[in-house]
Amino acid sequence: MRGHAVQTVTVQGALIAVLLGLVVVFSAFSGDVLAGENTPGTASWTLPALTAKGLDGEEHDLCEWRGKVILLNFWASWCGPCMLEIPHLIRYQAVHGSEGLQVIGIGLDEQKKLRNVVRTLGIGYPVLAISPERHFEILKQWGNSYGILPYTVIIDRDGHVLLMQQGVFADQAFETYVLPLL
């Protein structure tokens, strides 16, 4: 009987270790992602410059939107989860833009493909196109060394990065991290 109790404790300890390992692995590939120098509290204006040509034909710099709550969303036309997420981002901008929210799409694709998605989905917020040669460099600078899309960065009005998230940015995350800033 005594041997059975020891074996049960050992099995329970092993299960706990496995569950903790899964939590670590899961958090590394989804949810909040904080990496390198780009951790919460870092002023976004001191990060490497994010300058790119917008689909409006103009050169844009992230600093143009200082003083706003920025939802910076990296996406591509070939990314299925990105296409599911974009209608939510459109709604966030439409409903909360007057409160100081600025959604900015960072398209990691050919401009022709990005324009097609913008037209098809009716994206009304700015979309900046990053050339294919710079995709991984830009993602890595913004804390996404794995290059997982979609990828969202929340920046407060003072230019501090508050959240970096790989995967779909859901309504619950918007309510938790963005709404209090507006």
N, C-alpha and C. Protein backbone atom coordinates (compact mmCIF):
# COMPACT_ATOMS: atom_id res chain seq x y z
N MET A 1 0.83 -1.19 0.00
CA MET A 1 0.00 0.00 0.00
C MET A 1 0.86 1.25 0.00
N ARG A 2 1.91 1.21 0.80
CA ARG A 2 2.81 2.34 0.92
C ARG A 2 3.49 2.64 -0.42
N GLY A 3 3.92 1.62 -1.15
CA GLY A 3 4.56 1.78 -2.45
C GLY A 3 3.62 2.43 -3.46
N HIS A 4 2.34 2.11 -3.37
CA HIS A 4 1.34 2.68 -4.26
C HIS A 4 1.22 4.19 -4.03
N ALA A 5 1.26 4.64 -2.78
CA ALA A 5 1.16 6.07 -2.47
C ALA A 5 2.37 6.82 -3.02
N VAL A 6 3.55 6.25 -2.93
CA VAL A 6 4.76 6.88 -3.46
C VAL A 6 4.66 6.99 -4.97
N GLN A 7 4.17 5.93 -5.62
CA GLN A 7 4.03 5.93 -7.07
C GLN A 7 3.02 7.00 -7.51
N THR A 8 1.91 7.17 -6.80
CA THR A 8 0.91 8.18 -7.12
C THR A 8 1.50 9.57 -7.03
N VAL A 9 2.26 9.84 -5.99
CA VAL A 9 2.89 11.15 -5.83
C VAL A 9 3.86 11.41 -6.98
N THR A 10 4.62 10.42 -7.37
CA THR A 10 5.57 10.57 -8.47
C THR A 10 4.85 10.86 -9.78
N VAL A 11 3.76 10.14 -10.04
CA VAL A 11 2.98 10.37 -11.26
C VAL A 11 2.37 11.77 -11.23
N GLN A 12 1.86 12.19 -10.09
CA GLN A 12 1.29 13.54 -9.98
C GLN A 12 2.36 14.60 -10.22
N GLY A 13 3.56 14.40 -9.67
CA GLY A 13 4.66 15.34 -9.88
C GLY A 13 5.04 15.42 -11.34
N ALA A 14 5.08 14.28 -12.01
CA ALA A 14 5.41 14.25 -13.44
C ALA A 14 4.35 14.98 -14.25
N LEU A 15 3.09 14.77 -13.92
CA LEU A 15 2.00 15.46 -14.63
C LEU A 15 2.09 16.97 -14.44
N ILE A 16 2.40 17.40 -13.24
CA ILE A 16 2.54 18.83 -12.98
C ILE A 16 3.69 19.40 -13.81
N ALA A 17 4.81 18.68 -13.87
CA ALA A 17 5.96 19.13 -14.65
C ALA A 17 5.61 19.24 -16.13
N VAL A 18 4.87 18.26 -16.65
CA VAL A 18 4.45 18.28 -18.06
C VAL A 18 3.53 19.47 -18.31
N LEU A 19 2.57 19.69 -17.43
CA LEU A 19 1.64 20.82 -17.59
C LEU A 19 2.37 22.15 -17.56
N LEU A 20 3.33 22.31 -16.65
CA LEU A 20 4.11 23.55 -16.60
C LEU A 20 4.92 23.73 -17.87
N GLY A 21 5.46 22.65 -18.40
CA GLY A 21 6.20 22.72 -19.66
C GLY A 21 5.31 23.15 -20.80
N LEU A 22 4.08 22.62 -20.85
CA LEU A 22 3.13 23.02 -21.89
C LEU A 22 2.76 24.48 -21.78
N VAL A 23 2.62 24.99 -20.57
CA VAL A 23 2.32 26.40 -20.38
C VAL A 23 3.45 27.26 -20.94
N VAL A 24 4.68 26.88 -20.68
CA VAL A 24 5.84 27.64 -21.18
C VAL A 24 5.86 27.60 -22.71
N VAL A 25 5.68 26.41 -23.30
CA VAL A 25 5.69 26.28 -24.75
C VAL A 25 4.54 27.07 -25.36
N PHE A 26 3.33 26.93 -24.80
CA PHE A 26 2.17 27.63 -25.33
C PHE A 26 2.37 29.13 -25.27
N SER A 27 2.90 29.66 -24.18
CA SER A 27 3.08 31.10 -24.08
C SER A 27 4.16 31.60 -25.03
N ALA A 28 5.07 30.76 -25.44
CA ALA A 28 6.10 31.18 -26.38
C ALA A 28 5.56 31.33 -27.79
N PHE A 29 4.47 30.61 -28.11
CA PHE A 29 3.96 30.64 -29.47
C PHE A 29 2.60 31.29 -29.63
N SER A 30 1.98 31.73 -28.57
CA SER A 30 0.71 32.43 -28.69
C SER A 30 0.53 33.32 -27.48
N GLY A 31 -0.36 34.26 -27.61
CA GLY A 31 -0.61 35.17 -26.50
C GLY A 31 0.44 36.26 -26.44
N ASP A 32 0.70 36.75 -25.25
CA ASP A 32 1.63 37.85 -25.07
C ASP A 32 3.05 37.39 -25.37
N VAL A 33 3.75 38.19 -26.15
CA VAL A 33 5.12 37.88 -26.49
C VAL A 33 5.95 39.10 -26.18
N LEU A 34 6.94 38.91 -25.36
CA LEU A 34 7.82 40.00 -25.00
C LEU A 34 9.23 39.53 -25.28
N ALA A 35 9.95 40.26 -26.11
CA ALA A 35 11.27 39.78 -26.48
C ALA A 35 12.27 40.92 -26.58
N GLY A 36 13.52 40.60 -26.28
CA GLY A 36 14.61 41.53 -26.48
C GLY A 36 14.39 42.88 -25.84
N GLU A 37 14.77 43.94 -26.56
CA GLU A 37 14.65 45.29 -26.04
C GLU A 37 13.21 45.79 -26.06
N ASN A 38 12.36 45.15 -26.83
CA ASN A 38 11.00 45.63 -27.02
C ASN A 38 10.06 45.07 -25.97
N THR A 39 10.30 45.40 -24.73
CA THR A 39 9.46 44.93 -23.64
C THR A 39 8.52 46.06 -23.22
N PRO A 40 7.40 45.73 -22.53
CA PRO A 40 6.49 46.78 -22.10
C PRO A 40 7.24 47.88 -21.36
N GLY A 41 6.83 49.09 -21.62
CA GLY A 41 7.45 50.23 -20.98
C GLY A 41 8.53 50.86 -21.84
N THR A 42 8.91 50.17 -22.94
CA THR A 42 9.91 50.74 -23.84
C THR A 42 9.24 51.80 -24.70
N ALA A 43 9.83 52.96 -24.79
CA ALA A 43 9.26 54.01 -25.64
C ALA A 43 9.41 53.61 -27.09
N SER A 44 8.29 53.51 -27.81
CA SER A 44 8.33 53.08 -29.20
C SER A 44 9.11 54.06 -30.06
N TRP A 45 9.17 55.30 -29.68
CA TRP A 45 9.84 56.31 -30.51
C TRP A 45 11.35 56.14 -30.46
N THR A 46 11.85 55.32 -29.54
CA THR A 46 13.29 55.07 -29.49
C THR A 46 13.65 53.75 -30.16
N LEU A 47 12.66 53.00 -30.58
CA LEU A 47 12.91 51.74 -31.29
C LEU A 47 13.40 52.06 -32.71
N PRO A 48 13.91 51.06 -33.40
CA PRO A 48 14.30 51.30 -34.79
C PRO A 48 13.14 51.92 -35.56
N ALA A 49 13.46 52.84 -36.43
CA ALA A 49 12.44 53.55 -37.19
C ALA A 49 11.56 52.58 -37.97
N LEU A 50 10.28 52.89 -37.99
CA LEU A 50 9.35 52.13 -38.82
C LEU A 50 8.82 53.11 -39.86
N THR A 51 9.51 53.16 -40.97
CA THR A 51 9.14 54.04 -42.06
C THR A 51 8.88 53.17 -43.28
N ALA A 52 7.76 53.40 -43.94
CA ALA A 52 7.43 52.60 -45.12
C ALA A 52 6.44 53.37 -45.98
N LYS A 53 6.37 52.95 -47.22
CA LYS A 53 5.43 53.56 -48.15
C LYS A 53 4.04 52.99 -47.87
N GLY A 54 3.09 53.89 -47.74
CA GLY A 54 1.72 53.46 -47.54
C GLY A 54 1.07 53.13 -48.87
N LEU A 55 -0.06 52.45 -48.82
CA LEU A 55 -0.78 52.14 -50.04
C LEU A 55 -1.38 53.39 -50.65
N ASP A 56 -1.34 54.50 -49.91
CA ASP A 56 -1.77 55.79 -50.44
C ASP A 56 -0.68 56.43 -51.30
N GLY A 57 0.48 55.77 -51.41
CA GLY A 57 1.58 56.28 -52.22
C GLY A 57 2.54 57.18 -51.48
N GLU A 58 2.22 57.54 -50.24
CA GLU A 58 3.05 58.43 -49.44
C GLU A 58 3.97 57.64 -48.52
N GLU A 59 5.12 58.23 -48.20
CA GLU A 59 6.04 57.65 -47.22
C GLU A 59 5.52 58.02 -45.83
N HIS A 60 5.42 57.05 -44.94
CA HIS A 60 4.90 57.29 -43.59
C HIS A 60 5.91 56.83 -42.55
N ASP A 61 5.87 57.50 -41.41
CA ASP A 61 6.70 57.17 -40.27
C ASP A 61 5.76 56.97 -39.09
N LEU A 62 6.03 55.97 -38.26
CA LEU A 62 5.18 55.68 -37.11
C LEU A 62 4.97 56.91 -36.22
N CYS A 63 5.97 57.78 -36.16
CA CYS A 63 5.90 58.97 -35.32
C CYS A 63 4.76 59.91 -35.72
N GLU A 64 4.22 59.76 -36.92
CA GLU A 64 3.08 60.58 -37.36
C GLU A 64 1.88 60.44 -36.43
N TRP A 65 1.81 59.31 -35.76
CA TRP A 65 0.64 59.02 -34.93
C TRP A 65 0.93 59.16 -33.44
N ARG A 66 1.94 59.95 -33.10
CA ARG A 66 2.21 60.22 -31.67
C ARG A 66 0.97 60.81 -31.03
N GLY A 67 0.77 60.46 -29.77
CA GLY A 67 -0.38 60.98 -29.04
C GLY A 67 -1.62 60.13 -29.19
N LYS A 68 -1.58 59.13 -30.03
CA LYS A 68 -2.72 58.22 -30.21
C LYS A 68 -2.36 56.86 -29.60
N VAL A 69 -3.38 56.08 -29.31
CA VAL A 69 -3.19 54.69 -28.93
C VAL A 69 -3.07 53.93 -30.24
N ILE A 70 -1.93 53.29 -30.45
CA ILE A 70 -1.67 52.63 -31.72
C ILE A 70 -1.80 51.12 -31.58
N LEU A 71 -2.59 50.54 -32.48
CA LEU A 71 -2.69 49.11 -32.62
C LEU A 71 -1.97 48.80 -33.93
N LEU A 72 -0.73 48.37 -33.83
CA LEU A 72 0.13 48.10 -34.97
C LEU A 72 -0.02 46.63 -35.31
N ASN A 73 -0.54 46.33 -36.51
CA ASN A 73 -0.86 44.96 -36.86
C ASN A 73 -0.10 44.52 -38.11
N PHE A 74 0.76 43.51 -37.94
CA PHE A 74 1.54 42.95 -39.04
C PHE A 74 0.75 41.79 -39.66
N TRP A 75 0.59 41.81 -40.99
CA TRP A 75 -0.22 40.80 -41.66
C TRP A 75 0.26 40.59 -43.10
N ALA A 76 -0.30 39.56 -43.74
CA ALA A 76 -0.02 39.28 -45.15
C ALA A 76 -1.28 38.69 -45.79
N SER A 77 -1.38 38.82 -47.11
CA SER A 77 -2.58 38.35 -47.81
C SER A 77 -2.71 36.83 -47.77
N TRP A 78 -1.62 36.11 -47.66
CA TRP A 78 -1.63 34.65 -47.65
C TRP A 78 -1.91 34.07 -46.26
N CYS A 79 -2.05 34.93 -45.25
CA CYS A 79 -2.24 34.51 -43.86
C CYS A 79 -3.73 34.41 -43.54
N GLY A 80 -4.24 33.18 -43.45
CA GLY A 80 -5.66 32.96 -43.15
C GLY A 80 -6.11 33.62 -41.86
N PRO A 81 -5.41 33.41 -40.73
CA PRO A 81 -5.81 34.06 -39.49
C PRO A 81 -5.82 35.60 -39.60
N CYS A 82 -4.92 36.14 -40.42
CA CYS A 82 -4.90 37.60 -40.63
C CYS A 82 -6.21 38.05 -41.26
N MET A 83 -6.69 37.29 -42.25
CA MET A 83 -7.91 37.66 -42.95
C MET A 83 -9.13 37.58 -42.02
N LEU A 84 -9.09 36.66 -41.06
CA LEU A 84 -10.17 36.56 -40.07
C LEU A 84 -10.13 37.72 -39.08
N GLU A 85 -8.94 38.20 -38.78
CA GLU A 85 -8.73 39.25 -37.79
C GLU A 85 -9.07 40.64 -38.32
N ILE A 86 -8.79 40.90 -39.58
CA ILE A 86 -8.92 42.25 -40.14
C ILE A 86 -10.31 42.86 -39.97
N PRO A 87 -11.42 42.14 -40.19
CA PRO A 87 -12.73 42.77 -39.97
C PRO A 87 -12.90 43.33 -38.54
N HIS A 88 -12.30 42.68 -37.56
CA HIS A 88 -12.36 43.17 -36.18
C HIS A 88 -11.57 44.48 -36.06
N LEU A 89 -10.41 44.52 -36.69
CA LEU A 89 -9.59 45.74 -36.65
C LEU A 89 -10.30 46.90 -37.32
N ILE A 90 -10.98 46.61 -38.42
CA ILE A 90 -11.77 47.64 -39.12
C ILE A 90 -12.83 48.20 -38.17
N ARG A 91 -13.50 47.30 -37.46
CA ARG A 91 -14.54 47.72 -36.51
C ARG A 91 -13.94 48.53 -35.37
N TYR A 92 -12.82 48.10 -34.82
CA TYR A 92 -12.19 48.85 -33.73
C TYR A 92 -11.90 50.28 -34.17
N GLN A 93 -11.33 50.43 -35.37
CA GLN A 93 -10.99 51.76 -35.86
C GLN A 93 -12.25 52.60 -36.07
N ALA A 94 -13.29 52.01 -36.65
CA ALA A 94 -14.52 52.75 -36.92
C ALA A 94 -15.20 53.21 -35.63
N VAL A 95 -15.23 52.35 -34.64
CA VAL A 95 -15.92 52.66 -33.39
C VAL A 95 -15.08 53.54 -32.47
N HIS A 96 -13.78 53.33 -32.41
CA HIS A 96 -12.95 53.99 -31.41
C HIS A 96 -11.93 55.00 -31.97
N GLY A 97 -11.95 55.22 -33.26
CA GLY A 97 -11.02 56.18 -33.85
C GLY A 97 -11.18 57.59 -33.29
N SER A 98 -12.41 57.98 -33.04
CA SER A 98 -12.66 59.33 -32.51
C SER A 98 -12.20 59.47 -31.05
N GLU A 99 -11.91 58.34 -30.40
CA GLU A 99 -11.43 58.35 -29.01
C GLU A 99 -9.90 58.33 -28.95
N GLY A 100 -9.25 58.32 -30.10
CA GLY A 100 -7.79 58.35 -30.12
C GLY A 100 -7.12 57.05 -30.52
N LEU A 101 -7.89 56.06 -30.99
CA LEU A 101 -7.30 54.81 -31.45
C LEU A 101 -6.83 54.99 -32.89
N GLN A 102 -5.65 54.46 -33.20
CA GLN A 102 -5.19 54.41 -34.58
C GLN A 102 -4.68 53.01 -34.88
N VAL A 103 -5.45 52.30 -35.71
CA VAL A 103 -5.01 51.00 -36.19
C VAL A 103 -4.12 51.27 -37.40
N ILE A 104 -2.97 50.61 -37.45
CA ILE A 104 -2.06 50.74 -38.58
C ILE A 104 -1.70 49.33 -39.02
N GLY A 105 -1.99 49.02 -40.27
CA GLY A 105 -1.64 47.72 -40.82
C GLY A 105 -0.24 47.77 -41.42
N ILE A 106 0.55 46.76 -41.12
CA ILE A 106 1.88 46.63 -41.72
C ILE A 106 1.80 45.40 -42.63
N GLY A 107 1.65 45.66 -43.92
CA GLY A 107 1.50 44.59 -44.89
C GLY A 107 2.83 44.01 -45.31
N LEU A 108 2.98 42.73 -45.08
CA LEU A 108 4.22 42.02 -45.42
C LEU A 108 3.96 41.20 -46.68
N ASP A 109 3.80 41.91 -47.77
CA ASP A 109 3.40 41.27 -49.01
C ASP A 109 3.63 42.23 -50.16
N GLU A 110 3.38 41.76 -51.38
CA GLU A 110 3.46 42.62 -52.55
C GLU A 110 2.33 43.65 -52.49
N GLN A 111 2.61 44.88 -52.94
CA GLN A 111 1.61 45.94 -52.86
C GLN A 111 0.33 45.58 -53.61
N LYS A 112 0.46 44.92 -54.75
CA LYS A 112 -0.73 44.54 -55.53
C LYS A 112 -1.66 43.65 -54.70
N LYS A 113 -1.07 42.68 -53.99
CA LYS A 113 -1.87 41.77 -53.16
C LYS A 113 -2.47 42.51 -51.97
N LEU A 114 -1.70 43.41 -51.37
CA LEU A 114 -2.20 44.19 -50.24
C LEU A 114 -3.37 45.06 -50.67
N ARG A 115 -3.23 45.72 -51.82
CA ARG A 115 -4.31 46.58 -52.33
C ARG A 115 -5.59 45.78 -52.56
N ASN A 116 -5.45 44.56 -53.06
CA ASN A 116 -6.61 43.71 -53.30
C ASN A 116 -7.34 43.40 -52.00
N VAL A 117 -6.58 43.07 -50.95
CA VAL A 117 -7.20 42.79 -49.64
C VAL A 117 -7.85 44.05 -49.09
N VAL A 118 -7.18 45.18 -49.18
CA VAL A 118 -7.73 46.45 -48.69
C VAL A 118 -9.06 46.74 -49.38
N ARG A 119 -9.09 46.58 -50.69
CA ARG A 119 -10.32 46.84 -51.46
C ARG A 119 -11.41 45.83 -51.12
N THR A 120 -11.05 44.55 -51.07
CA THR A 120 -12.03 43.49 -50.82
C THR A 120 -12.65 43.59 -49.43
N LEU A 121 -11.82 43.84 -48.42
CA LEU A 121 -12.31 43.87 -47.04
C LEU A 121 -12.75 45.27 -46.60
N GLY A 122 -12.43 46.28 -47.39
CA GLY A 122 -12.83 47.65 -47.04
C GLY A 122 -12.02 48.23 -45.89
N ILE A 123 -10.72 47.97 -45.88
CA ILE A 123 -9.86 48.50 -44.83
C ILE A 123 -9.77 50.01 -44.97
N GLY A 124 -10.13 50.74 -43.91
CA GLY A 124 -10.11 52.19 -43.93
C GLY A 124 -8.98 52.81 -43.14
N TYR A 125 -8.19 52.02 -42.47
CA TYR A 125 -7.06 52.54 -41.70
C TYR A 125 -5.80 52.46 -42.58
N PRO A 126 -4.75 53.19 -42.21
CA PRO A 126 -3.52 53.17 -43.01
C PRO A 126 -2.88 51.79 -43.07
N VAL A 127 -2.42 51.44 -44.26
CA VAL A 127 -1.67 50.20 -44.46
C VAL A 127 -0.33 50.58 -45.08
N LEU A 128 0.74 50.19 -44.40
CA LEU A 128 2.09 50.44 -44.87
C LEU A 128 2.65 49.13 -45.42
N ALA A 129 3.31 49.21 -46.56
CA ALA A 129 3.86 48.00 -47.18
C ALA A 129 5.35 47.90 -46.91
N ILE A 130 5.76 46.74 -46.43
CA ILE A 130 7.18 46.47 -46.17
C ILE A 130 7.69 45.54 -47.27
N SER A 131 8.79 45.91 -47.87
CA SER A 131 9.35 45.10 -48.96
C SER A 131 9.74 43.72 -48.42
N PRO A 132 9.63 42.69 -49.28
CA PRO A 132 9.93 41.33 -48.83
C PRO A 132 11.31 41.16 -48.20
N GLU A 133 12.28 41.93 -48.67
CA GLU A 133 13.63 41.81 -48.11
C GLU A 133 13.69 42.25 -46.65
N ARG A 134 12.75 43.06 -46.21
CA ARG A 134 12.79 43.61 -44.85
C ARG A 134 11.83 42.93 -43.88
N HIS A 135 11.02 41.96 -44.33
CA HIS A 135 10.00 41.35 -43.46
C HIS A 135 10.55 40.88 -42.13
N PHE A 136 11.51 39.97 -42.19
CA PHE A 136 12.01 39.37 -40.95
C PHE A 136 12.80 40.36 -40.11
N GLU A 137 13.51 41.26 -40.75
CA GLU A 137 14.24 42.31 -40.03
C GLU A 137 13.28 43.16 -39.20
N ILE A 138 12.19 43.60 -39.83
CA ILE A 138 11.20 44.45 -39.15
C ILE A 138 10.50 43.67 -38.04
N LEU A 139 10.07 42.45 -38.34
CA LEU A 139 9.40 41.65 -37.31
C LEU A 139 10.31 41.42 -36.11
N LYS A 140 11.56 41.11 -36.37
CA LYS A 140 12.51 40.88 -35.28
C LYS A 140 12.72 42.15 -34.45
N GLN A 141 12.83 43.30 -35.12
CA GLN A 141 13.00 44.57 -34.40
C GLN A 141 11.81 44.85 -33.50
N TRP A 142 10.64 44.37 -33.88
CA TRP A 142 9.43 44.61 -33.10
C TRP A 142 9.09 43.43 -32.18
N GLY A 143 10.08 42.55 -31.91
CA GLY A 143 9.90 41.52 -30.90
C GLY A 143 9.35 40.21 -31.39
N ASN A 144 9.28 40.00 -32.70
CA ASN A 144 8.71 38.78 -33.25
C ASN A 144 9.80 38.02 -34.01
N SER A 145 10.71 37.40 -33.28
CA SER A 145 11.84 36.73 -33.92
C SER A 145 11.44 35.46 -34.65
N TYR A 146 10.24 34.93 -34.38
CA TYR A 146 9.79 33.73 -35.08
C TYR A 146 9.08 34.06 -36.39
N GLY A 147 8.69 35.31 -36.59
CA GLY A 147 8.02 35.71 -37.83
C GLY A 147 6.58 35.23 -37.93
N ILE A 148 5.95 34.97 -36.80
CA ILE A 148 4.57 34.47 -36.79
C ILE A 148 3.60 35.60 -37.08
N LEU A 149 2.63 35.33 -37.97
CA LEU A 149 1.58 36.29 -38.30
C LEU A 149 0.23 35.68 -37.98
N PRO A 150 -0.76 36.51 -37.66
CA PRO A 150 -0.65 37.96 -37.45
C PRO A 150 0.13 38.26 -36.17
N TYR A 151 0.55 39.50 -36.09
CA TYR A 151 1.34 39.96 -34.95
C TYR A 151 0.90 41.38 -34.62
N THR A 152 0.58 41.63 -33.37
CA THR A 152 0.04 42.92 -32.97
C THR A 152 0.87 43.52 -31.85
N VAL A 153 1.11 44.83 -31.97
CA VAL A 153 1.82 45.59 -30.95
C VAL A 153 0.91 46.74 -30.52
N ILE A 154 0.72 46.89 -29.21
CA ILE A 154 -0.09 47.99 -28.67
C ILE A 154 0.86 49.02 -28.08
N ILE A 155 0.70 50.28 -28.51
CA ILE A 155 1.54 51.38 -28.07
C ILE A 155 0.63 52.44 -27.46
N ASP A 156 0.94 52.89 -26.24
CA ASP A 156 0.08 53.89 -25.60
C ASP A 156 0.37 55.29 -26.14
N ARG A 157 -0.40 56.26 -25.67
CA ARG A 157 -0.30 57.64 -26.16
C ARG A 157 1.08 58.26 -25.92
N ASP A 158 1.79 57.76 -24.92
CA ASP A 158 3.12 58.28 -24.60
C ASP A 158 4.23 57.56 -25.36
N GLY A 159 3.86 56.62 -26.23
CA GLY A 159 4.85 55.91 -27.02
C GLY A 159 5.48 54.72 -26.34
N HIS A 160 4.80 54.15 -25.35
CA HIS A 160 5.32 52.97 -24.66
C HIS A 160 4.65 51.71 -25.21
N VAL A 161 5.45 50.72 -25.51
CA VAL A 161 4.93 49.44 -25.96
C VAL A 161 4.34 48.73 -24.75
N LEU A 162 3.05 48.41 -24.83
CA LEU A 162 2.38 47.76 -23.71
C LEU A 162 2.15 46.27 -23.93
N LEU A 163 2.05 45.87 -25.19
CA LEU A 163 1.74 44.47 -25.47
C LEU A 163 2.29 44.10 -26.84
N MET A 164 2.84 42.91 -26.92
CA MET A 164 3.25 42.31 -28.20
C MET A 164 2.62 40.93 -28.22
N GLN A 165 1.84 40.66 -29.26
CA GLN A 165 1.12 39.39 -29.29
C GLN A 165 1.20 38.72 -30.64
N GLN A 166 1.63 37.46 -30.64
CA GLN A 166 1.59 36.65 -31.85
C GLN A 166 0.23 35.99 -31.91
N GLY A 167 -0.32 35.86 -33.10
CA GLY A 167 -1.62 35.22 -33.27
C GLY A 167 -2.73 36.26 -33.34
N VAL A 168 -3.93 35.77 -33.51
CA VAL A 168 -5.09 36.64 -33.68
C VAL A 168 -5.33 37.48 -32.43
N PHE A 169 -5.53 38.77 -32.65
CA PHE A 169 -5.83 39.71 -31.56
C PHE A 169 -7.35 39.72 -31.38
N ALA A 170 -7.81 39.04 -30.37
CA ALA A 170 -9.24 38.83 -30.15
C ALA A 170 -9.90 40.01 -29.43
N ASP A 171 -11.22 40.02 -29.47
CA ASP A 171 -11.99 41.07 -28.81
C ASP A 171 -11.65 41.18 -27.32
N GLN A 172 -11.44 40.05 -26.66
CA GLN A 172 -11.11 40.07 -25.23
C GLN A 172 -9.80 40.82 -24.99
N ALA A 173 -8.81 40.59 -25.84
CA ALA A 173 -7.52 41.31 -25.70
C ALA A 173 -7.72 42.80 -25.95
N PHE A 174 -8.56 43.15 -26.91
CA PHE A 174 -8.85 44.56 -27.18
C PHE A 174 -9.47 45.21 -25.95
N GLU A 175 -10.45 44.54 -25.37
CA GLU A 175 -11.13 45.08 -24.19
C GLU A 175 -10.18 45.19 -23.00
N THR A 176 -9.28 44.25 -22.85
CA THR A 176 -8.35 44.23 -21.72
C THR A 176 -7.23 45.24 -21.86
N TYR A 177 -6.63 45.32 -23.03
CA TYR A 177 -5.40 46.11 -23.20
C TYR A 177 -5.61 47.47 -23.86
N VAL A 178 -6.59 47.60 -24.75
CA VAL A 178 -6.73 48.84 -25.52
C VAL A 178 -7.79 49.77 -24.95
N LEU A 179 -8.97 49.25 -24.67
CA LEU A 179 -10.06 50.12 -24.18
C LEU A 179 -9.68 50.97 -22.98
N PRO A 180 -8.95 50.43 -21.99
CA PRO A 180 -8.57 51.28 -20.85
C PRO A 180 -7.67 52.46 -21.24
N LEU A 181 -7.00 52.39 -22.37
CA LEU A 181 -6.11 53.45 -22.80
C LEU A 181 -6.83 54.60 -23.51
N LEU A 182 -8.07 54.35 -23.93
CA LEU A 182 -8.81 55.35 -24.72
C LEU A 182 -9.51 56.38 -23.87
